[in-house]
Amino acid sequence: MKQLALDIGLARAPTLAGFFAGPNEAALRHLELWAGSPTRSPVPTYLWGAPGSGKTHLLRAVAEALREQGAAAGWIDPAVAEPPEFDERWAIVLLDDVHLYTAVQQHAAFNWFVQAQTLHLGVLAAGMFPPADLKLREDLRTRLGWGHVFELHVPSEPERRAVLRQAADARGIFLGDDVMDFVLTRFSRDLGSLMQLLDHLDAYALRTQRAVTIPLVKAMLEEEEG
């Protein structure tokens, strides 16, 4: 059955604490130490892995951690068609889905990278492939690979179920096995999307004063689409 992406607004900003580490413990701990340090290392970090492994969650979580500290970040992803000029007030440069960058985005990313390094600021980037396999301009590709590089792995089916169950319990939501099966077979299975869905289910169940069942999930989706 074709899985559906959940195309509704993100209820909560991603956080490092809310990221299920699983097989990606080393990358998470590295970013926690970096984001929490008063003297952050300027050595760049590159994350790579398949869709659903948590790359974008971690980049946005680092941006959120810095925002809470009063710091700003520069951001480029494939949706930013014309990236702005580098801002020296940024604490870090965040480059998401670099494997999809256009020539214009690659040019901006390279300039941001160079200026960030000149000012001893951090660079955190992510893509689907390891640096050596990126089809990018050579000067950008080599810079993405010279610092810390972590491969992220997609959590297994039992791990996704365990995380979803734990998150539901923390919200006081009972998810029956039938609802769990329905969700996992019909929606994108990456944890970010599942947590997003759970947030909306929680709010919808509270508003309608109904238990979380398959009919409730369907009713919520029909309302979102309407």
N, C-alpha and C. Protein backbone atom coordinates (compact mmCIF):
# COMPACT_ATOMS: atom_id res chain seq x y z
N MET A 1 0.84 -1.19 0.00
CA MET A 1 0.00 0.00 0.00
C MET A 1 0.88 1.24 0.00
N LYS A 2 0.52 2.23 -0.79
CA LYS A 2 1.30 3.46 -0.89
C LYS A 2 1.22 4.23 0.41
N GLN A 3 2.36 4.66 0.91
CA GLN A 3 2.38 5.46 2.13
C GLN A 3 2.12 6.91 1.80
N LEU A 4 1.45 7.60 2.73
CA LEU A 4 1.10 8.99 2.53
C LEU A 4 1.99 9.88 3.37
N ALA A 5 2.42 10.99 2.80
CA ALA A 5 3.14 11.98 3.59
C ALA A 5 2.12 12.81 4.35
N LEU A 6 2.45 13.19 5.57
CA LEU A 6 1.54 13.99 6.36
C LEU A 6 1.79 15.45 6.06
N ASP A 7 0.92 16.04 5.25
CA ASP A 7 1.12 17.41 4.79
C ASP A 7 0.34 18.39 5.64
N ILE A 8 0.69 18.43 6.94
CA ILE A 8 0.07 19.39 7.83
C ILE A 8 1.16 20.04 8.67
N GLY A 9 0.85 21.20 9.22
CA GLY A 9 1.86 22.00 9.89
C GLY A 9 2.51 21.30 11.07
N LEU A 10 3.76 21.61 11.29
CA LEU A 10 4.51 21.00 12.39
C LEU A 10 4.05 21.60 13.70
N ALA A 11 3.59 20.76 14.62
CA ALA A 11 3.03 21.26 15.87
C ALA A 11 4.11 21.71 16.84
N ARG A 12 5.24 21.03 16.84
CA ARG A 12 6.31 21.36 17.78
C ARG A 12 7.62 21.44 17.02
N ALA A 13 8.46 22.36 17.47
CA ALA A 13 9.78 22.45 16.86
C ALA A 13 10.59 21.22 17.24
N PRO A 14 11.32 20.62 16.31
CA PRO A 14 12.15 19.46 16.64
C PRO A 14 13.19 19.82 17.69
N THR A 15 13.48 18.89 18.57
CA THR A 15 14.50 19.11 19.60
C THR A 15 15.47 17.94 19.60
N LEU A 16 16.66 18.19 20.13
CA LEU A 16 17.63 17.10 20.26
C LEU A 16 17.14 16.09 21.30
N ALA A 17 16.50 16.57 22.35
CA ALA A 17 15.99 15.66 23.38
C ALA A 17 14.87 14.78 22.84
N GLY A 18 14.15 15.28 21.83
CA GLY A 18 13.04 14.51 21.28
C GLY A 18 13.44 13.59 20.14
N PHE A 19 14.74 13.49 19.87
CA PHE A 19 15.21 12.63 18.78
C PHE A 19 15.50 11.24 19.32
N PHE A 20 14.88 10.24 18.71
CA PHE A 20 15.16 8.85 19.11
C PHE A 20 16.52 8.45 18.53
N ALA A 21 17.50 8.24 19.40
CA ALA A 21 18.86 7.98 18.92
C ALA A 21 18.97 6.62 18.25
N GLY A 22 18.56 5.56 18.96
CA GLY A 22 18.66 4.22 18.37
C GLY A 22 20.04 3.97 17.82
N PRO A 23 20.13 3.64 16.52
CA PRO A 23 21.44 3.36 15.92
C PRO A 23 22.26 4.61 15.65
N ASN A 24 21.71 5.79 15.96
CA ASN A 24 22.39 7.06 15.65
C ASN A 24 22.87 7.79 16.89
N GLU A 25 23.18 7.02 17.91
CA GLU A 25 23.59 7.59 19.20
C GLU A 25 24.82 8.49 19.07
N ALA A 26 25.81 8.07 18.31
CA ALA A 26 27.05 8.84 18.21
C ALA A 26 26.80 10.22 17.61
N ALA A 27 26.00 10.28 16.57
CA ALA A 27 25.71 11.57 15.93
C ALA A 27 24.94 12.48 16.88
N LEU A 28 23.95 11.93 17.58
CA LEU A 28 23.17 12.74 18.51
C LEU A 28 24.04 13.29 19.63
N ARG A 29 24.85 12.45 20.23
CA ARG A 29 25.71 12.91 21.33
C ARG A 29 26.68 13.99 20.84
N HIS A 30 27.20 13.82 19.65
CA HIS A 30 28.11 14.82 19.08
C HIS A 30 27.42 16.18 18.96
N LEU A 31 26.20 16.18 18.45
CA LEU A 31 25.48 17.44 18.26
C LEU A 31 25.04 18.04 19.59
N GLU A 32 24.68 17.19 20.55
CA GLU A 32 24.31 17.70 21.88
C GLU A 32 25.49 18.41 22.53
N LEU A 33 26.67 17.80 22.45
CA LEU A 33 27.86 18.42 23.02
C LEU A 33 28.19 19.72 22.31
N TRP A 34 28.08 19.71 20.98
CA TRP A 34 28.41 20.90 20.21
C TRP A 34 27.45 22.05 20.53
N ALA A 35 26.14 21.76 20.48
CA ALA A 35 25.14 22.81 20.69
C ALA A 35 25.17 23.34 22.12
N GLY A 36 25.57 22.50 23.07
CA GLY A 36 25.57 22.92 24.46
C GLY A 36 26.86 23.54 24.94
N SER A 37 27.87 23.57 24.08
CA SER A 37 29.18 24.11 24.48
C SER A 37 29.24 25.62 24.29
N PRO A 38 29.76 26.35 25.29
CA PRO A 38 29.90 27.81 25.13
C PRO A 38 30.99 28.18 24.12
N THR A 39 31.92 27.26 23.88
CA THR A 39 32.98 27.50 22.89
C THR A 39 32.87 26.40 21.83
N ARG A 40 32.00 26.62 20.86
CA ARG A 40 31.71 25.59 19.87
C ARG A 40 32.84 25.45 18.85
N SER A 41 33.16 24.21 18.54
CA SER A 41 34.20 23.93 17.56
C SER A 41 33.76 24.37 16.17
N PRO A 42 34.68 24.97 15.38
CA PRO A 42 34.34 25.36 14.01
C PRO A 42 34.49 24.21 13.01
N VAL A 43 34.91 23.04 13.48
CA VAL A 43 35.06 21.90 12.57
C VAL A 43 33.68 21.49 12.06
N PRO A 44 33.48 21.42 10.73
CA PRO A 44 32.16 21.11 10.19
C PRO A 44 31.72 19.68 10.47
N THR A 45 30.41 19.47 10.41
CA THR A 45 29.83 18.14 10.60
C THR A 45 28.91 17.86 9.42
N TYR A 46 28.99 16.65 8.90
CA TYR A 46 28.13 16.24 7.79
C TYR A 46 27.41 14.95 8.16
N LEU A 47 26.08 14.96 7.99
CA LEU A 47 25.24 13.79 8.26
C LEU A 47 24.73 13.24 6.93
N TRP A 48 24.75 11.93 6.77
CA TRP A 48 24.19 11.38 5.55
C TRP A 48 23.43 10.09 5.86
N GLY A 49 22.44 9.82 5.02
CA GLY A 49 21.66 8.61 5.21
C GLY A 49 20.37 8.67 4.41
N ALA A 50 19.62 7.58 4.46
CA ALA A 50 18.39 7.45 3.69
C ALA A 50 17.30 8.36 4.25
N PRO A 51 16.28 8.66 3.44
CA PRO A 51 15.13 9.42 3.95
C PRO A 51 14.53 8.72 5.17
N GLY A 52 14.15 9.51 6.17
CA GLY A 52 13.59 8.93 7.39
C GLY A 52 14.62 8.62 8.46
N SER A 53 15.90 8.90 8.19
CA SER A 53 16.93 8.61 9.18
C SER A 53 17.09 9.74 10.20
N GLY A 54 16.47 10.89 9.95
CA GLY A 54 16.49 11.96 10.95
C GLY A 54 17.39 13.13 10.65
N LYS A 55 17.87 13.25 9.44
CA LYS A 55 18.82 14.32 9.11
C LYS A 55 18.22 15.71 9.33
N THR A 56 17.06 15.94 8.72
CA THR A 56 16.45 17.26 8.83
C THR A 56 16.03 17.56 10.26
N HIS A 57 15.52 16.54 10.95
CA HIS A 57 15.15 16.73 12.36
C HIS A 57 16.35 17.25 13.15
N LEU A 58 17.51 16.65 12.96
CA LEU A 58 18.69 17.05 13.73
C LEU A 58 19.15 18.46 13.36
N LEU A 59 19.10 18.79 12.08
CA LEU A 59 19.49 20.15 11.70
C LEU A 59 18.54 21.18 12.32
N ARG A 60 17.25 20.91 12.23
CA ARG A 60 16.28 21.86 12.80
C ARG A 60 16.37 21.88 14.32
N ALA A 61 16.69 20.76 14.92
CA ALA A 61 16.82 20.70 16.37
C ALA A 61 18.02 21.53 16.84
N VAL A 62 19.12 21.48 16.10
CA VAL A 62 20.28 22.32 16.43
C VAL A 62 19.91 23.79 16.30
N ALA A 63 19.20 24.15 15.23
CA ALA A 63 18.76 25.54 15.05
C ALA A 63 17.88 25.97 16.22
N GLU A 64 16.98 25.09 16.67
CA GLU A 64 16.09 25.41 17.79
C GLU A 64 16.88 25.57 19.08
N ALA A 65 17.88 24.69 19.30
CA ALA A 65 18.71 24.79 20.51
C ALA A 65 19.45 26.12 20.54
N LEU A 66 19.97 26.54 19.40
CA LEU A 66 20.68 27.82 19.34
C LEU A 66 19.71 28.99 19.50
N ARG A 67 18.52 28.86 18.91
CA ARG A 67 17.53 29.93 19.04
C ARG A 67 17.18 30.17 20.51
N GLU A 68 17.05 29.07 21.27
CA GLU A 68 16.74 29.19 22.69
C GLU A 68 17.88 29.87 23.45
N GLN A 69 19.09 29.82 22.89
CA GLN A 69 20.23 30.49 23.50
C GLN A 69 20.41 31.92 22.98
N GLY A 70 19.49 32.35 22.12
CA GLY A 70 19.56 33.69 21.57
C GLY A 70 20.43 33.81 20.34
N ALA A 71 20.79 32.68 19.73
CA ALA A 71 21.65 32.69 18.54
C ALA A 71 20.84 32.39 17.28
N ALA A 72 21.32 32.92 16.16
CA ALA A 72 20.64 32.72 14.88
C ALA A 72 21.46 31.78 13.99
N ALA A 73 20.80 31.24 12.97
CA ALA A 73 21.46 30.31 12.05
C ALA A 73 21.05 30.61 10.62
N GLY A 74 21.99 30.40 9.69
CA GLY A 74 21.67 30.48 8.28
C GLY A 74 21.20 29.12 7.80
N TRP A 75 20.25 29.11 6.87
CA TRP A 75 19.65 27.83 6.44
C TRP A 75 19.47 27.81 4.93
N ILE A 76 19.92 26.72 4.30
CA ILE A 76 19.63 26.47 2.88
C ILE A 76 19.11 25.05 2.76
N ASP A 77 17.98 24.90 2.06
CA ASP A 77 17.54 23.59 1.61
C ASP A 77 17.06 23.76 0.17
N PRO A 78 16.69 22.70 -0.53
CA PRO A 78 16.33 22.83 -1.94
C PRO A 78 15.17 23.79 -2.21
N ALA A 79 14.36 24.09 -1.19
CA ALA A 79 13.23 25.01 -1.38
C ALA A 79 13.67 26.47 -1.36
N VAL A 80 14.89 26.74 -0.90
CA VAL A 80 15.39 28.12 -0.87
C VAL A 80 16.07 28.39 -2.21
N ALA A 81 15.28 28.87 -3.17
CA ALA A 81 15.77 29.00 -4.55
C ALA A 81 16.93 29.98 -4.66
N GLU A 82 16.84 31.09 -3.96
CA GLU A 82 17.90 32.11 -4.00
C GLU A 82 18.32 32.44 -2.58
N PRO A 83 19.30 31.74 -2.05
CA PRO A 83 19.74 31.97 -0.68
C PRO A 83 20.22 33.40 -0.47
N PRO A 84 20.00 33.96 0.72
CA PRO A 84 20.45 35.33 1.00
C PRO A 84 21.96 35.40 1.17
N GLU A 85 22.46 36.61 1.32
CA GLU A 85 23.88 36.79 1.59
C GLU A 85 24.21 36.27 2.99
N PHE A 86 25.44 35.88 3.18
CA PHE A 86 25.91 35.42 4.49
C PHE A 86 25.76 36.54 5.51
N ASP A 87 25.32 36.18 6.72
CA ASP A 87 25.12 37.13 7.80
C ASP A 87 26.11 36.82 8.92
N GLU A 88 26.97 37.76 9.25
CA GLU A 88 27.99 37.53 10.26
C GLU A 88 27.41 37.35 11.66
N ARG A 89 26.12 37.63 11.83
CA ARG A 89 25.49 37.44 13.14
C ARG A 89 25.09 35.99 13.37
N TRP A 90 25.16 35.17 12.33
CA TRP A 90 24.81 33.76 12.49
C TRP A 90 25.82 33.05 13.37
N ALA A 91 25.35 32.05 14.11
CA ALA A 91 26.23 31.22 14.92
C ALA A 91 26.63 29.95 14.19
N ILE A 92 25.84 29.58 13.17
CA ILE A 92 26.10 28.36 12.42
C ILE A 92 25.43 28.44 11.05
N VAL A 93 25.97 27.69 10.11
CA VAL A 93 25.38 27.54 8.79
C VAL A 93 24.83 26.13 8.69
N LEU A 94 23.55 26.02 8.30
CA LEU A 94 22.88 24.73 8.19
C LEU A 94 22.51 24.48 6.74
N LEU A 95 22.98 23.37 6.18
CA LEU A 95 22.78 23.04 4.77
C LEU A 95 22.09 21.69 4.67
N ASP A 96 20.81 21.69 4.32
CA ASP A 96 20.04 20.45 4.31
C ASP A 96 19.82 19.93 2.90
N ASP A 97 19.82 18.61 2.74
CA ASP A 97 19.59 17.95 1.44
C ASP A 97 20.51 18.50 0.35
N VAL A 98 21.79 18.55 0.66
CA VAL A 98 22.75 19.16 -0.27
C VAL A 98 22.83 18.42 -1.59
N HIS A 99 22.45 17.14 -1.60
CA HIS A 99 22.53 16.36 -2.85
C HIS A 99 21.55 16.87 -3.90
N LEU A 100 20.60 17.72 -3.49
CA LEU A 100 19.60 18.25 -4.42
C LEU A 100 19.86 19.71 -4.81
N TYR A 101 20.98 20.27 -4.41
CA TYR A 101 21.24 21.68 -4.65
C TYR A 101 21.43 22.00 -6.13
N THR A 102 20.87 23.14 -6.52
CA THR A 102 21.10 23.67 -7.86
C THR A 102 22.47 24.34 -7.89
N ALA A 103 22.88 24.79 -9.06
CA ALA A 103 24.16 25.49 -9.19
C ALA A 103 24.15 26.76 -8.34
N VAL A 104 23.02 27.46 -8.32
CA VAL A 104 22.92 28.70 -7.51
C VAL A 104 23.06 28.38 -6.03
N GLN A 105 22.40 27.32 -5.58
CA GLN A 105 22.48 26.94 -4.17
C GLN A 105 23.87 26.44 -3.80
N GLN A 106 24.52 25.73 -4.70
CA GLN A 106 25.88 25.27 -4.43
C GLN A 106 26.83 26.46 -4.30
N HIS A 107 26.64 27.46 -5.15
CA HIS A 107 27.48 28.65 -5.09
C HIS A 107 27.31 29.35 -3.75
N ALA A 108 26.04 29.50 -3.31
CA ALA A 108 25.77 30.16 -2.03
C ALA A 108 26.31 29.32 -0.87
N ALA A 109 26.10 28.00 -0.94
CA ALA A 109 26.57 27.13 0.13
C ALA A 109 28.09 27.19 0.27
N PHE A 110 28.79 27.21 -0.86
CA PHE A 110 30.25 27.30 -0.80
C PHE A 110 30.68 28.62 -0.17
N ASN A 111 30.06 29.73 -0.58
CA ASN A 111 30.40 31.03 0.00
C ASN A 111 30.11 31.08 1.49
N TRP A 112 28.94 30.54 1.88
CA TRP A 112 28.61 30.50 3.30
C TRP A 112 29.63 29.68 4.07
N PHE A 113 30.01 28.55 3.50
CA PHE A 113 30.96 27.66 4.15
C PHE A 113 32.29 28.38 4.38
N VAL A 114 32.80 29.02 3.36
CA VAL A 114 34.08 29.71 3.46
C VAL A 114 34.02 30.84 4.49
N GLN A 115 32.97 31.63 4.45
CA GLN A 115 32.86 32.75 5.39
C GLN A 115 32.65 32.26 6.82
N ALA A 116 31.90 31.20 6.99
CA ALA A 116 31.71 30.64 8.33
C ALA A 116 33.05 30.16 8.90
N GLN A 117 33.83 29.48 8.07
CA GLN A 117 35.12 29.00 8.53
C GLN A 117 36.09 30.14 8.83
N THR A 118 36.02 31.19 8.04
CA THR A 118 36.87 32.36 8.29
C THR A 118 36.57 32.97 9.65
N LEU A 119 35.30 32.95 10.04
CA LEU A 119 34.87 33.53 11.31
C LEU A 119 34.83 32.49 12.44
N HIS A 120 35.32 31.27 12.14
CA HIS A 120 35.36 30.18 13.12
C HIS A 120 33.96 29.82 13.62
N LEU A 121 33.00 29.80 12.71
CA LEU A 121 31.64 29.40 13.02
C LEU A 121 31.40 27.98 12.53
N GLY A 122 30.39 27.34 13.08
CA GLY A 122 30.10 25.96 12.73
C GLY A 122 29.35 25.83 11.41
N VAL A 123 29.52 24.69 10.78
CA VAL A 123 28.77 24.31 9.58
C VAL A 123 28.23 22.90 9.82
N LEU A 124 26.92 22.75 9.70
CA LEU A 124 26.28 21.44 9.83
C LEU A 124 25.49 21.19 8.56
N ALA A 125 25.83 20.12 7.85
CA ALA A 125 25.21 19.84 6.57
C ALA A 125 24.68 18.41 6.55
N ALA A 126 23.76 18.14 5.62
CA ALA A 126 23.18 16.81 5.52
C ALA A 126 22.82 16.50 4.08
N GLY A 127 22.95 15.24 3.72
CA GLY A 127 22.59 14.79 2.38
C GLY A 127 22.31 13.31 2.38
N MET A 128 21.86 12.81 1.27
CA MET A 128 21.50 11.39 1.18
C MET A 128 22.72 10.50 0.99
N PHE A 129 23.82 11.07 0.49
CA PHE A 129 24.98 10.25 0.15
C PHE A 129 26.22 10.69 0.91
N PRO A 130 27.22 9.81 1.04
CA PRO A 130 28.48 10.21 1.66
C PRO A 130 29.16 11.26 0.80
N PRO A 131 30.04 12.06 1.38
CA PRO A 131 30.67 13.16 0.62
C PRO A 131 31.28 12.72 -0.70
N ALA A 132 31.94 11.58 -0.72
CA ALA A 132 32.63 11.14 -1.94
C ALA A 132 31.66 10.89 -3.09
N ASP A 133 30.39 10.63 -2.79
CA ASP A 133 29.41 10.30 -3.82
C ASP A 133 28.49 11.46 -4.19
N LEU A 134 28.70 12.62 -3.59
CA LEU A 134 27.86 13.78 -3.89
C LEU A 134 28.19 14.35 -5.26
N LYS A 135 27.17 14.60 -6.07
CA LYS A 135 27.36 15.19 -7.39
C LYS A 135 27.30 16.71 -7.27
N LEU A 136 28.31 17.26 -6.60
CA LEU A 136 28.38 18.70 -6.35
C LEU A 136 29.69 19.25 -6.88
N ARG A 137 29.79 20.57 -6.95
CA ARG A 137 31.06 21.16 -7.36
C ARG A 137 32.15 20.69 -6.39
N GLU A 138 33.31 20.46 -6.91
CA GLU A 138 34.37 19.79 -6.16
C GLU A 138 34.77 20.55 -4.90
N ASP A 139 34.85 21.89 -4.97
CA ASP A 139 35.30 22.64 -3.80
C ASP A 139 34.30 22.54 -2.65
N LEU A 140 33.01 22.46 -2.95
CA LEU A 140 32.00 22.29 -1.91
C LEU A 140 32.01 20.85 -1.39
N ARG A 141 32.07 19.89 -2.31
CA ARG A 141 32.03 18.48 -1.92
C ARG A 141 33.17 18.13 -0.99
N THR A 142 34.37 18.58 -1.30
CA THR A 142 35.52 18.24 -0.45
C THR A 142 35.42 18.90 0.92
N ARG A 143 34.89 20.11 0.98
CA ARG A 143 34.74 20.78 2.28
C ARG A 143 33.70 20.07 3.15
N LEU A 144 32.65 19.56 2.54
CA LEU A 144 31.64 18.84 3.31
C LEU A 144 32.21 17.57 3.95
N GLY A 145 33.25 17.04 3.37
CA GLY A 145 33.78 15.78 3.86
C GLY A 145 35.00 15.87 4.75
N TRP A 146 35.53 17.08 5.01
CA TRP A 146 36.80 17.10 5.74
C TRP A 146 36.65 17.15 7.26
N GLY A 147 35.43 17.32 7.77
CA GLY A 147 35.23 17.37 9.21
C GLY A 147 34.67 16.07 9.75
N HIS A 148 33.74 16.19 10.70
CA HIS A 148 33.06 15.02 11.26
C HIS A 148 32.00 14.53 10.29
N VAL A 149 32.00 13.24 10.00
CA VAL A 149 31.02 12.65 9.09
C VAL A 149 30.33 11.49 9.80
N PHE A 150 28.99 11.53 9.83
CA PHE A 150 28.21 10.46 10.47
C PHE A 150 27.19 9.91 9.49
N GLU A 151 27.14 8.59 9.39
CA GLU A 151 26.06 7.94 8.64
C GLU A 151 24.89 7.70 9.59
N LEU A 152 23.69 8.15 9.19
CA LEU A 152 22.50 7.92 9.99
C LEU A 152 21.72 6.74 9.42
N HIS A 153 21.15 5.94 10.31
CA HIS A 153 20.40 4.76 9.90
C HIS A 153 18.93 4.91 10.27
N VAL A 154 18.05 4.43 9.42
CA VAL A 154 16.62 4.48 9.68
C VAL A 154 16.28 3.49 10.79
N PRO A 155 15.54 3.91 11.82
CA PRO A 155 15.16 2.97 12.88
C PRO A 155 14.35 1.80 12.32
N SER A 156 14.51 0.66 12.96
CA SER A 156 13.79 -0.54 12.52
C SER A 156 12.30 -0.42 12.84
N GLU A 157 11.52 -1.32 12.29
CA GLU A 157 10.07 -1.34 12.57
C GLU A 157 9.78 -1.46 14.07
N PRO A 158 10.39 -2.40 14.79
CA PRO A 158 10.13 -2.47 16.24
C PRO A 158 10.54 -1.19 16.96
N GLU A 159 11.63 -0.56 16.53
CA GLU A 159 12.06 0.69 17.17
C GLU A 159 11.05 1.80 16.93
N ARG A 160 10.53 1.90 15.70
CA ARG A 160 9.52 2.92 15.42
C ARG A 160 8.26 2.69 16.26
N ARG A 161 7.84 1.44 16.37
CA ARG A 161 6.67 1.14 17.18
C ARG A 161 6.90 1.51 18.64
N ALA A 162 8.08 1.17 19.14
CA ALA A 162 8.39 1.46 20.55
C ALA A 162 8.40 2.96 20.82
N VAL A 163 8.98 3.72 19.89
CA VAL A 163 9.03 5.18 20.07
C VAL A 163 7.64 5.77 20.00
N LEU A 164 6.84 5.32 19.04
CA LEU A 164 5.48 5.84 18.90
C LEU A 164 4.66 5.51 20.14
N ARG A 165 4.82 4.29 20.66
CA ARG A 165 4.09 3.89 21.87
C ARG A 165 4.52 4.74 23.06
N GLN A 166 5.82 4.93 23.21
CA GLN A 166 6.34 5.72 24.33
C GLN A 166 5.86 7.17 24.24
N ALA A 167 5.90 7.75 23.04
CA ALA A 167 5.45 9.13 22.87
C ALA A 167 3.96 9.26 23.14
N ALA A 168 3.17 8.27 22.74
CA ALA A 168 1.73 8.29 22.99
C ALA A 168 1.46 8.19 24.49
N ASP A 169 2.16 7.30 25.17
CA ASP A 169 1.98 7.15 26.61
C ASP A 169 2.32 8.45 27.34
N ALA A 170 3.37 9.14 26.89
CA ALA A 170 3.76 10.40 27.52
C ALA A 170 2.68 11.47 27.36
N ARG A 171 1.88 11.36 26.31
CA ARG A 171 0.79 12.31 26.09
C ARG A 171 -0.53 11.84 26.69
N GLY A 172 -0.51 10.65 27.29
CA GLY A 172 -1.73 10.11 27.84
C GLY A 172 -2.68 9.56 26.80
N ILE A 173 -2.12 9.14 25.66
CA ILE A 173 -2.93 8.60 24.57
C ILE A 173 -2.77 7.09 24.53
N PHE A 174 -3.88 6.38 24.44
CA PHE A 174 -3.80 4.93 24.24
C PHE A 174 -3.89 4.64 22.74
N LEU A 175 -2.85 4.00 22.22
CA LEU A 175 -2.85 3.59 20.82
C LEU A 175 -3.01 2.07 20.75
N GLY A 176 -4.15 1.61 20.29
CA GLY A 176 -4.35 0.18 20.12
C GLY A 176 -3.49 -0.34 18.98
N ASP A 177 -3.29 -1.64 18.96
CA ASP A 177 -2.47 -2.23 17.90
C ASP A 177 -3.06 -1.96 16.51
N ASP A 178 -4.41 -1.91 16.44
CA ASP A 178 -5.04 -1.65 15.15
C ASP A 178 -4.73 -0.24 14.65
N VAL A 179 -4.73 0.73 15.57
CA VAL A 179 -4.39 2.11 15.19
C VAL A 179 -2.92 2.19 14.80
N MET A 180 -2.06 1.52 15.55
CA MET A 180 -0.64 1.52 15.24
C MET A 180 -0.39 0.94 13.84
N ASP A 181 -1.03 -0.17 13.53
CA ASP A 181 -0.88 -0.78 12.21
C ASP A 181 -1.38 0.15 11.11
N PHE A 182 -2.52 0.78 11.37
CA PHE A 182 -3.11 1.71 10.39
C PHE A 182 -2.16 2.86 10.10
N VAL A 183 -1.59 3.43 11.14
CA VAL A 183 -0.69 4.57 10.99
C VAL A 183 0.59 4.17 10.26
N LEU A 184 1.17 3.05 10.67
CA LEU A 184 2.46 2.66 10.11
C LEU A 184 2.37 2.15 8.67
N THR A 185 1.19 1.73 8.23
CA THR A 185 1.06 1.24 6.86
C THR A 185 0.57 2.32 5.90
N ARG A 186 0.08 3.44 6.43
CA ARG A 186 -0.52 4.45 5.55
C ARG A 186 0.19 5.80 5.56
N PHE A 187 1.16 5.97 6.43
CA PHE A 187 1.85 7.24 6.49
C PHE A 187 3.35 7.03 6.36
N SER A 188 4.02 8.11 6.01
CA SER A 188 5.48 8.09 5.99
C SER A 188 5.97 7.60 7.35
N ARG A 189 6.91 6.66 7.33
CA ARG A 189 7.31 6.03 8.58
C ARG A 189 8.47 6.70 9.28
N ASP A 190 8.98 7.82 8.77
CA ASP A 190 10.06 8.47 9.49
C ASP A 190 9.50 9.04 10.79
N LEU A 191 10.32 9.06 11.82
CA LEU A 191 9.85 9.41 13.16
C LEU A 191 9.35 10.85 13.25
N GLY A 192 9.95 11.75 12.48
CA GLY A 192 9.50 13.13 12.50
C GLY A 192 8.04 13.24 12.08
N SER A 193 7.68 12.55 10.99
CA SER A 193 6.30 12.57 10.52
C SER A 193 5.36 11.89 11.51
N LEU A 194 5.83 10.80 12.12
CA LEU A 194 4.98 10.10 13.07
C LEU A 194 4.73 10.94 14.32
N MET A 195 5.75 11.65 14.80
CA MET A 195 5.55 12.53 15.95
C MET A 195 4.62 13.68 15.60
N GLN A 196 4.75 14.17 14.39
CA GLN A 196 3.88 15.23 13.91
C GLN A 196 2.42 14.74 13.89
N LEU A 197 2.22 13.55 13.38
CA LEU A 197 0.88 12.97 13.35
C LEU A 197 0.33 12.80 14.76
N LEU A 198 1.18 12.36 15.67
CA LEU A 198 0.74 12.12 17.04
C LEU A 198 0.31 13.43 17.71
N ASP A 199 1.05 14.49 17.46
CA ASP A 199 0.67 15.80 18.01
C ASP A 199 -0.72 16.20 17.55
N HIS A 200 -0.99 16.00 16.27
CA HIS A 200 -2.29 16.38 15.73
C HIS A 200 -3.40 15.46 16.25
N LEU A 201 -3.10 14.18 16.39
CA LEU A 201 -4.09 13.26 16.96
C LEU A 201 -4.42 13.65 18.39
N ASP A 202 -3.41 14.01 19.15
CA ASP A 202 -3.59 14.42 20.54
C ASP A 202 -4.53 15.62 20.62
N ALA A 203 -4.23 16.65 19.82
CA ALA A 203 -5.05 17.86 19.84
C ALA A 203 -6.48 17.58 19.36
N TYR A 204 -6.61 16.76 18.31
CA TYR A 204 -7.93 16.48 17.75
C TYR A 204 -8.76 15.64 18.73
N ALA A 205 -8.13 14.68 19.38
CA ALA A 205 -8.86 13.84 20.34
C ALA A 205 -9.34 14.67 21.53
N LEU A 206 -8.50 15.60 21.99
CA LEU A 206 -8.90 16.47 23.10
C LEU A 206 -10.06 17.37 22.69
N ARG A 207 -9.98 17.90 21.49
CA ARG A 207 -11.02 18.83 21.03
C ARG A 207 -12.35 18.14 20.83
N THR A 208 -12.31 16.91 20.33
CA THR A 208 -13.55 16.19 20.04
C THR A 208 -13.99 15.28 21.18
N GLN A 209 -13.12 15.20 22.23
CA GLN A 209 -13.43 14.35 23.39
C GLN A 209 -13.71 12.90 22.97
N ARG A 210 -12.83 12.39 22.09
CA ARG A 210 -12.96 11.02 21.61
C ARG A 210 -11.66 10.27 21.82
N ALA A 211 -11.75 8.98 21.95
CA ALA A 211 -10.56 8.14 22.03
C ALA A 211 -9.91 8.06 20.65
N VAL A 212 -8.61 7.75 20.64
CA VAL A 212 -7.89 7.64 19.37
C VAL A 212 -8.17 6.27 18.77
N THR A 213 -8.97 6.27 17.72
CA THR A 213 -9.33 5.05 17.01
C THR A 213 -9.09 5.29 15.52
N ILE A 214 -9.22 4.24 14.72
CA ILE A 214 -9.08 4.41 13.28
C ILE A 214 -10.11 5.38 12.72
N PRO A 215 -11.39 5.30 13.13
CA PRO A 215 -12.36 6.30 12.65
C PRO A 215 -11.97 7.74 13.01
N LEU A 216 -11.38 7.92 14.21
CA LEU A 216 -10.96 9.27 14.58
C LEU A 216 -9.81 9.75 13.68
N VAL A 217 -8.86 8.87 13.40
CA VAL A 217 -7.76 9.24 12.50
C VAL A 217 -8.31 9.66 11.14
N LYS A 218 -9.23 8.88 10.62
CA LYS A 218 -9.82 9.20 9.32
C LYS A 218 -10.59 10.52 9.37
N ALA A 219 -11.34 10.74 10.45
CA ALA A 219 -12.09 11.98 10.58
C ALA A 219 -11.17 13.18 10.65
N MET A 220 -10.05 13.05 11.37
CA MET A 220 -9.10 14.16 11.46
C MET A 220 -8.52 14.48 10.09
N LEU A 221 -8.16 13.45 9.36
CA LEU A 221 -7.58 13.67 8.04
C LEU A 221 -8.57 14.31 7.08
N GLU A 222 -9.83 13.90 7.16
CA GLU A 222 -10.86 14.49 6.31
C GLU A 222 -11.04 15.97 6.65
N GLU A 223 -10.97 16.30 7.94
CA GLU A 223 -11.10 17.70 8.35
C GLU A 223 -9.91 18.51 7.87
N GLU A 224 -8.71 17.92 7.97
CA GLU A 224 -7.49 18.63 7.52
C GLU A 224 -7.58 18.91 6.01
N GLU A 225 -8.06 17.92 5.28
CA GLU A 225 -8.14 18.06 3.82
C GLU A 225 -9.25 19.03 3.42
N GLY A 226 -10.28 19.11 4.26
CA GLY A 226 -11.39 20.00 3.93
C GLY A 226 -11.05 21.43 4.20
